[in-house]
Amino acid sequence: MDANAAAGPDVITLRLEGDRLASAVRAAELLGAPDIALDLELGRLRGQYRLAERIEYLVTGITGSPLNAVAEPGCAHADENLTLYLSVDQADRLLQRLTHLTRDEPAPAGEDQPLADSGDEP
């Protein structure tokens, strides 16, 4: 995922970049919206703006307060991007949600996982 964050005194910006807003779609999937881009043509401006609107609703639901999400079209030198403008409290709530979700996910195959206690002593 290609993301950049910047902080000001009152606003934290989270910029998600990528061809056809792939990073924004992936972020929404991680936040619990696996079909957020369903039926959207992300190669077109209308689809990008609709994705921004859907992500606004998603993150507003997570943080409990409205925010701004702005989609910008790409060009020959830059990919499309979607920028979230968050208050410090919103950014904190979003981070808590992401942290909670990543702790609950099982470890990828091949990585050590804790053994379940069977109740039997060896």
N, C-alpha and C. Protein backbone atom coordinates (compact mmCIF):
# COMPACT_ATOMS: atom_id res chain seq x y z
N MET A 1 0.85 -1.16 0.00
CA MET A 1 0.00 0.00 0.00
C MET A 1 0.90 1.23 0.00
N ASP A 2 0.58 2.17 -0.85
CA ASP A 2 1.36 3.39 -0.97
C ASP A 2 0.59 4.51 -0.27
N ALA A 3 1.09 4.94 0.89
CA ALA A 3 0.40 5.97 1.67
C ALA A 3 1.42 6.93 2.24
N ASN A 4 1.00 8.18 2.36
CA ASN A 4 1.81 9.22 2.98
C ASN A 4 0.95 9.96 3.99
N ALA A 5 1.53 10.31 5.12
CA ALA A 5 0.80 11.07 6.13
C ALA A 5 1.56 12.34 6.44
N ALA A 6 0.82 13.38 6.77
CA ALA A 6 1.40 14.65 7.19
C ALA A 6 0.53 15.19 8.32
N ALA A 7 1.16 15.87 9.25
CA ALA A 7 0.41 16.40 10.39
C ALA A 7 0.62 17.90 10.51
N GLY A 8 -0.48 18.57 10.76
CA GLY A 8 -0.47 19.99 11.05
C GLY A 8 -1.01 20.16 12.45
N PRO A 9 -1.18 21.39 12.91
CA PRO A 9 -1.67 21.60 14.27
C PRO A 9 -3.11 21.10 14.47
N ASP A 10 -3.94 21.15 13.42
CA ASP A 10 -5.34 20.75 13.57
C ASP A 10 -5.77 19.63 12.64
N VAL A 11 -4.99 19.34 11.62
CA VAL A 11 -5.41 18.38 10.61
C VAL A 11 -4.28 17.39 10.31
N ILE A 12 -4.67 16.14 10.18
CA ILE A 12 -3.75 15.10 9.73
C ILE A 12 -4.25 14.65 8.37
N THR A 13 -3.35 14.64 7.39
CA THR A 13 -3.75 14.20 6.06
C THR A 13 -3.14 12.82 5.80
N LEU A 14 -3.95 11.97 5.24
CA LEU A 14 -3.52 10.63 4.85
C LEU A 14 -3.78 10.52 3.36
N ARG A 15 -2.70 10.42 2.60
CA ARG A 15 -2.81 10.37 1.13
C ARG A 15 -2.53 8.95 0.67
N LEU A 16 -3.53 8.35 0.02
CA LEU A 16 -3.45 6.99 -0.50
C LEU A 16 -3.32 7.07 -2.01
N GLU A 17 -2.24 6.51 -2.54
CA GLU A 17 -1.96 6.63 -3.97
C GLU A 17 -2.00 5.26 -4.63
N GLY A 18 -1.95 5.29 -5.94
CA GLY A 18 -1.84 4.05 -6.68
C GLY A 18 -2.69 4.05 -7.93
N ASP A 19 -2.29 3.21 -8.85
CA ASP A 19 -3.04 3.07 -10.10
C ASP A 19 -4.47 2.68 -9.79
N ARG A 20 -5.41 3.47 -10.27
CA ARG A 20 -6.84 3.25 -10.04
C ARG A 20 -7.17 3.18 -8.55
N LEU A 21 -6.45 3.98 -7.76
CA LEU A 21 -6.69 4.11 -6.33
C LEU A 21 -6.58 2.79 -5.57
N ALA A 22 -5.65 1.94 -5.99
CA ALA A 22 -5.49 0.62 -5.38
C ALA A 22 -5.22 0.71 -3.88
N SER A 23 -4.45 1.67 -3.42
CA SER A 23 -4.16 1.79 -1.99
C SER A 23 -5.40 2.19 -1.21
N ALA A 24 -6.22 3.06 -1.76
CA ALA A 24 -7.45 3.47 -1.08
C ALA A 24 -8.41 2.28 -0.97
N VAL A 25 -8.51 1.51 -2.03
CA VAL A 25 -9.38 0.32 -2.01
C VAL A 25 -8.87 -0.67 -0.98
N ARG A 26 -7.57 -0.90 -0.94
CA ARG A 26 -6.99 -1.85 0.02
C ARG A 26 -7.20 -1.37 1.45
N ALA A 27 -7.03 -0.08 1.70
CA ALA A 27 -7.25 0.47 3.04
C ALA A 27 -8.70 0.24 3.47
N ALA A 28 -9.65 0.48 2.57
CA ALA A 28 -11.06 0.26 2.89
C ALA A 28 -11.33 -1.22 3.17
N GLU A 29 -10.69 -2.10 2.42
CA GLU A 29 -10.84 -3.53 2.67
C GLU A 29 -10.34 -3.88 4.06
N LEU A 30 -9.20 -3.31 4.45
CA LEU A 30 -8.65 -3.57 5.78
C LEU A 30 -9.56 -3.04 6.89
N LEU A 31 -10.31 -1.99 6.57
CA LEU A 31 -11.23 -1.41 7.55
C LEU A 31 -12.58 -2.12 7.59
N GLY A 32 -12.75 -3.14 6.77
CA GLY A 32 -13.97 -3.94 6.83
C GLY A 32 -14.96 -3.72 5.71
N ALA A 33 -14.54 -3.12 4.61
CA ALA A 33 -15.44 -2.89 3.47
C ALA A 33 -14.87 -3.57 2.23
N PRO A 34 -14.97 -4.91 2.15
CA PRO A 34 -14.31 -5.64 1.06
C PRO A 34 -14.83 -5.32 -0.33
N ASP A 35 -16.08 -4.88 -0.44
CA ASP A 35 -16.67 -4.62 -1.76
C ASP A 35 -16.85 -3.13 -2.04
N ILE A 36 -16.04 -2.30 -1.43
CA ILE A 36 -16.24 -0.85 -1.54
C ILE A 36 -16.15 -0.34 -2.97
N ALA A 37 -15.38 -0.99 -3.80
CA ALA A 37 -15.21 -0.52 -5.18
C ALA A 37 -16.11 -1.26 -6.17
N LEU A 38 -17.02 -2.09 -5.66
CA LEU A 38 -17.91 -2.86 -6.51
C LEU A 38 -18.72 -1.92 -7.40
N ASP A 39 -18.76 -2.22 -8.68
CA ASP A 39 -19.51 -1.46 -9.69
C ASP A 39 -18.97 -0.06 -9.95
N LEU A 40 -17.77 0.25 -9.50
CA LEU A 40 -17.16 1.56 -9.78
C LEU A 40 -16.11 1.41 -10.87
N GLU A 41 -16.09 2.32 -11.81
CA GLU A 41 -15.05 2.36 -12.83
C GLU A 41 -13.97 3.31 -12.33
N LEU A 42 -12.95 2.77 -11.68
CA LEU A 42 -11.94 3.61 -11.03
C LEU A 42 -10.99 4.27 -12.01
N GLY A 43 -11.07 3.92 -13.27
CA GLY A 43 -10.28 4.60 -14.29
C GLY A 43 -10.96 5.87 -14.77
N ARG A 44 -12.17 6.13 -14.28
CA ARG A 44 -12.92 7.32 -14.67
C ARG A 44 -13.11 8.23 -13.46
N LEU A 45 -13.20 9.53 -13.72
CA LEU A 45 -13.36 10.50 -12.64
C LEU A 45 -14.58 10.21 -11.77
N ARG A 46 -15.70 9.91 -12.39
CA ARG A 46 -16.92 9.65 -11.61
C ARG A 46 -16.71 8.49 -10.63
N GLY A 47 -16.07 7.43 -11.07
CA GLY A 47 -15.79 6.30 -10.19
C GLY A 47 -14.88 6.67 -9.05
N GLN A 48 -13.89 7.50 -9.33
CA GLN A 48 -12.97 7.94 -8.28
C GLN A 48 -13.68 8.80 -7.24
N TYR A 49 -14.54 9.70 -7.71
CA TYR A 49 -15.29 10.55 -6.78
C TYR A 49 -16.28 9.73 -5.94
N ARG A 50 -16.89 8.73 -6.56
CA ARG A 50 -17.82 7.86 -5.82
C ARG A 50 -17.08 7.04 -4.77
N LEU A 51 -15.86 6.59 -5.10
CA LEU A 51 -15.06 5.86 -4.12
C LEU A 51 -14.73 6.78 -2.94
N ALA A 52 -14.35 8.01 -3.23
CA ALA A 52 -14.05 8.97 -2.15
C ALA A 52 -15.27 9.15 -1.25
N GLU A 53 -16.44 9.24 -1.85
CA GLU A 53 -17.67 9.40 -1.08
C GLU A 53 -17.92 8.18 -0.19
N ARG A 54 -17.73 6.99 -0.74
CA ARG A 54 -17.93 5.77 0.05
C ARG A 54 -16.94 5.68 1.19
N ILE A 55 -15.70 6.08 0.93
CA ILE A 55 -14.69 6.04 1.99
C ILE A 55 -14.99 7.08 3.06
N GLU A 56 -15.51 8.23 2.65
CA GLU A 56 -15.96 9.23 3.64
C GLU A 56 -16.98 8.61 4.59
N TYR A 57 -17.98 7.92 4.04
CA TYR A 57 -19.00 7.29 4.87
C TYR A 57 -18.39 6.23 5.79
N LEU A 58 -17.51 5.41 5.25
CA LEU A 58 -16.87 4.36 6.03
C LEU A 58 -16.09 4.93 7.20
N VAL A 59 -15.23 5.89 6.92
CA VAL A 59 -14.37 6.44 7.98
C VAL A 59 -15.19 7.30 8.94
N THR A 60 -16.23 7.95 8.46
CA THR A 60 -17.12 8.68 9.36
C THR A 60 -17.77 7.72 10.35
N GLY A 61 -18.17 6.57 9.88
CA GLY A 61 -18.74 5.56 10.77
C GLY A 61 -17.76 5.05 11.80
N ILE A 62 -16.51 4.92 11.41
CA ILE A 62 -15.49 4.42 12.32
C ILE A 62 -15.12 5.48 13.35
N THR A 63 -15.00 6.73 12.92
CA THR A 63 -14.52 7.79 13.81
C THR A 63 -15.64 8.49 14.56
N GLY A 64 -16.87 8.36 14.07
CA GLY A 64 -17.99 9.00 14.74
C GLY A 64 -18.20 10.46 14.40
N SER A 65 -17.46 10.97 13.42
CA SER A 65 -17.66 12.36 13.01
C SER A 65 -17.27 12.51 11.54
N PRO A 66 -17.93 13.45 10.85
CA PRO A 66 -17.68 13.62 9.41
C PRO A 66 -16.26 14.09 9.10
N LEU A 67 -15.80 13.70 7.93
CA LEU A 67 -14.48 14.12 7.47
C LEU A 67 -14.53 14.36 5.98
N ASN A 68 -13.46 14.82 5.43
CA ASN A 68 -13.34 15.08 4.00
C ASN A 68 -12.43 14.03 3.36
N ALA A 69 -12.86 13.49 2.24
CA ALA A 69 -12.03 12.61 1.42
C ALA A 69 -12.06 13.18 0.01
N VAL A 70 -10.90 13.43 -0.56
CA VAL A 70 -10.81 14.08 -1.87
C VAL A 70 -10.03 13.19 -2.82
N ALA A 71 -10.66 12.83 -3.94
CA ALA A 71 -9.99 12.05 -4.99
C ALA A 71 -9.43 13.01 -6.03
N GLU A 72 -8.21 12.72 -6.47
CA GLU A 72 -7.58 13.52 -7.51
C GLU A 72 -7.17 12.60 -8.64
N PRO A 73 -7.49 12.97 -9.87
CA PRO A 73 -7.13 12.12 -11.01
C PRO A 73 -5.63 12.08 -11.22
N GLY A 74 -5.18 11.01 -11.84
CA GLY A 74 -3.76 10.89 -12.16
C GLY A 74 -3.44 11.55 -13.48
N CYS A 75 -2.16 11.50 -13.81
CA CYS A 75 -1.70 12.02 -15.09
C CYS A 75 -0.51 11.16 -15.53
N ALA A 76 0.17 11.57 -16.55
CA ALA A 76 1.30 10.79 -17.06
C ALA A 76 2.42 10.65 -16.02
N HIS A 77 2.52 11.59 -15.11
CA HIS A 77 3.63 11.60 -14.15
C HIS A 77 3.23 11.18 -12.74
N ALA A 78 1.94 11.00 -12.49
CA ALA A 78 1.50 10.66 -11.14
C ALA A 78 0.24 9.80 -11.18
N ASP A 79 0.16 8.88 -10.24
CA ASP A 79 -1.03 8.03 -10.11
C ASP A 79 -2.17 8.83 -9.47
N GLU A 80 -3.36 8.27 -9.56
CA GLU A 80 -4.50 8.83 -8.87
C GLU A 80 -4.22 8.79 -7.37
N ASN A 81 -4.86 9.67 -6.61
CA ASN A 81 -4.72 9.60 -5.16
C ASN A 81 -6.01 10.01 -4.48
N LEU A 82 -6.15 9.56 -3.27
CA LEU A 82 -7.29 9.92 -2.44
C LEU A 82 -6.72 10.40 -1.12
N THR A 83 -7.11 11.59 -0.70
CA THR A 83 -6.59 12.17 0.53
C THR A 83 -7.71 12.29 1.55
N LEU A 84 -7.44 11.79 2.76
CA LEU A 84 -8.35 11.94 3.89
C LEU A 84 -7.85 13.07 4.76
N TYR A 85 -8.74 13.96 5.15
CA TYR A 85 -8.41 15.06 6.05
C TYR A 85 -9.08 14.75 7.39
N LEU A 86 -8.26 14.45 8.39
CA LEU A 86 -8.74 13.97 9.68
C LEU A 86 -8.34 14.91 10.81
N SER A 87 -9.19 15.02 11.81
CA SER A 87 -8.78 15.70 13.05
C SER A 87 -7.87 14.73 13.81
N VAL A 88 -7.22 15.22 14.82
CA VAL A 88 -6.35 14.36 15.62
C VAL A 88 -7.16 13.24 16.26
N ASP A 89 -8.35 13.55 16.77
CA ASP A 89 -9.20 12.52 17.37
C ASP A 89 -9.63 11.47 16.35
N GLN A 90 -9.98 11.92 15.15
CA GLN A 90 -10.38 10.98 14.11
C GLN A 90 -9.22 10.07 13.73
N ALA A 91 -8.04 10.64 13.58
CA ALA A 91 -6.86 9.84 13.24
C ALA A 91 -6.59 8.81 14.33
N ASP A 92 -6.75 9.21 15.59
CA ASP A 92 -6.54 8.28 16.70
C ASP A 92 -7.54 7.13 16.65
N ARG A 93 -8.81 7.44 16.40
CA ARG A 93 -9.83 6.39 16.33
C ARG A 93 -9.58 5.46 15.14
N LEU A 94 -9.16 6.03 14.03
CA LEU A 94 -8.86 5.21 12.85
C LEU A 94 -7.67 4.29 13.13
N LEU A 95 -6.67 4.81 13.78
CA LEU A 95 -5.50 4.00 14.14
C LEU A 95 -5.89 2.89 15.12
N GLN A 96 -6.75 3.20 16.07
CA GLN A 96 -7.22 2.18 17.01
C GLN A 96 -7.94 1.06 16.27
N ARG A 97 -8.75 1.42 15.31
CA ARG A 97 -9.49 0.42 14.52
C ARG A 97 -8.53 -0.46 13.74
N LEU A 98 -7.56 0.16 13.08
CA LEU A 98 -6.59 -0.62 12.31
C LEU A 98 -5.77 -1.52 13.21
N THR A 99 -5.37 -1.02 14.36
CA THR A 99 -4.59 -1.82 15.31
C THR A 99 -5.40 -2.99 15.80
N HIS A 100 -6.66 -2.75 16.13
CA HIS A 100 -7.54 -3.82 16.60
C HIS A 100 -7.72 -4.89 15.53
N LEU A 101 -7.93 -4.46 14.29
CA LEU A 101 -8.15 -5.42 13.20
C LEU A 101 -6.91 -6.24 12.94
N THR A 102 -5.73 -5.64 12.97
CA THR A 102 -4.52 -6.40 12.67
C THR A 102 -4.17 -7.35 13.80
N ARG A 103 -4.54 -7.06 15.03
CA ARG A 103 -4.28 -7.99 16.13
C ARG A 103 -5.17 -9.22 16.05
N ASP A 104 -6.37 -9.06 15.50
CA ASP A 104 -7.32 -10.16 15.44
C ASP A 104 -7.10 -11.09 14.25
N GLU A 105 -6.28 -10.68 13.29
CA GLU A 105 -6.05 -11.52 12.12
C GLU A 105 -5.08 -12.64 12.44
N PRO A 106 -5.29 -13.81 11.88
CA PRO A 106 -4.33 -14.89 12.09
C PRO A 106 -3.02 -14.59 11.38
N ALA A 107 -1.95 -15.19 11.90
CA ALA A 107 -0.64 -15.01 11.27
C ALA A 107 -0.65 -15.66 9.89
N PRO A 108 0.06 -15.07 8.92
CA PRO A 108 0.13 -15.68 7.58
C PRO A 108 0.72 -17.08 7.65
N ALA A 109 0.37 -17.90 6.69
CA ALA A 109 0.86 -19.28 6.64
C ALA A 109 2.38 -19.30 6.67
N GLY A 110 2.92 -20.21 7.45
CA GLY A 110 4.37 -20.35 7.52
C GLY A 110 4.99 -19.58 8.68
N GLU A 111 4.23 -18.67 9.30
CA GLU A 111 4.76 -17.94 10.44
C GLU A 111 4.36 -18.65 11.72
N ASP A 112 5.17 -18.47 12.74
CA ASP A 112 4.89 -19.11 14.02
C ASP A 112 3.58 -18.59 14.59
N GLN A 113 2.76 -19.52 15.06
CA GLN A 113 1.51 -19.17 15.71
C GLN A 113 1.52 -19.79 17.07
N PRO A 114 0.90 -19.14 18.08
CA PRO A 114 0.89 -19.74 19.40
C PRO A 114 0.12 -21.05 19.39
N LEU A 115 0.60 -22.00 20.17
CA LEU A 115 -0.06 -23.29 20.26
C LEU A 115 -1.29 -23.18 21.16
N ALA A 116 -2.34 -23.84 20.76
CA ALA A 116 -3.56 -23.86 21.58
C ALA A 116 -3.32 -24.76 22.77
N ASP A 117 -3.82 -24.38 23.94
CA ASP A 117 -3.69 -25.16 25.15
C ASP A 117 -4.71 -26.28 25.10
N SER A 118 -4.25 -27.52 25.06
CA SER A 118 -5.17 -28.65 24.98
C SER A 118 -5.66 -29.08 26.35
N GLY A 119 -5.04 -28.55 27.40
CA GLY A 119 -5.43 -28.95 28.74
C GLY A 119 -4.62 -30.13 29.26
N ASP A 120 -3.92 -30.82 28.40
CA ASP A 120 -3.11 -31.96 28.80
C ASP A 120 -1.67 -31.49 29.04
N GLU A 121 -1.09 -31.89 30.11
CA GLU A 121 0.31 -31.58 30.38
C GLU A 121 1.20 -32.60 29.69
N PRO A 122 2.31 -32.21 29.10
CA PRO A 122 3.19 -33.18 28.43
C PRO A 122 3.92 -34.05 29.40
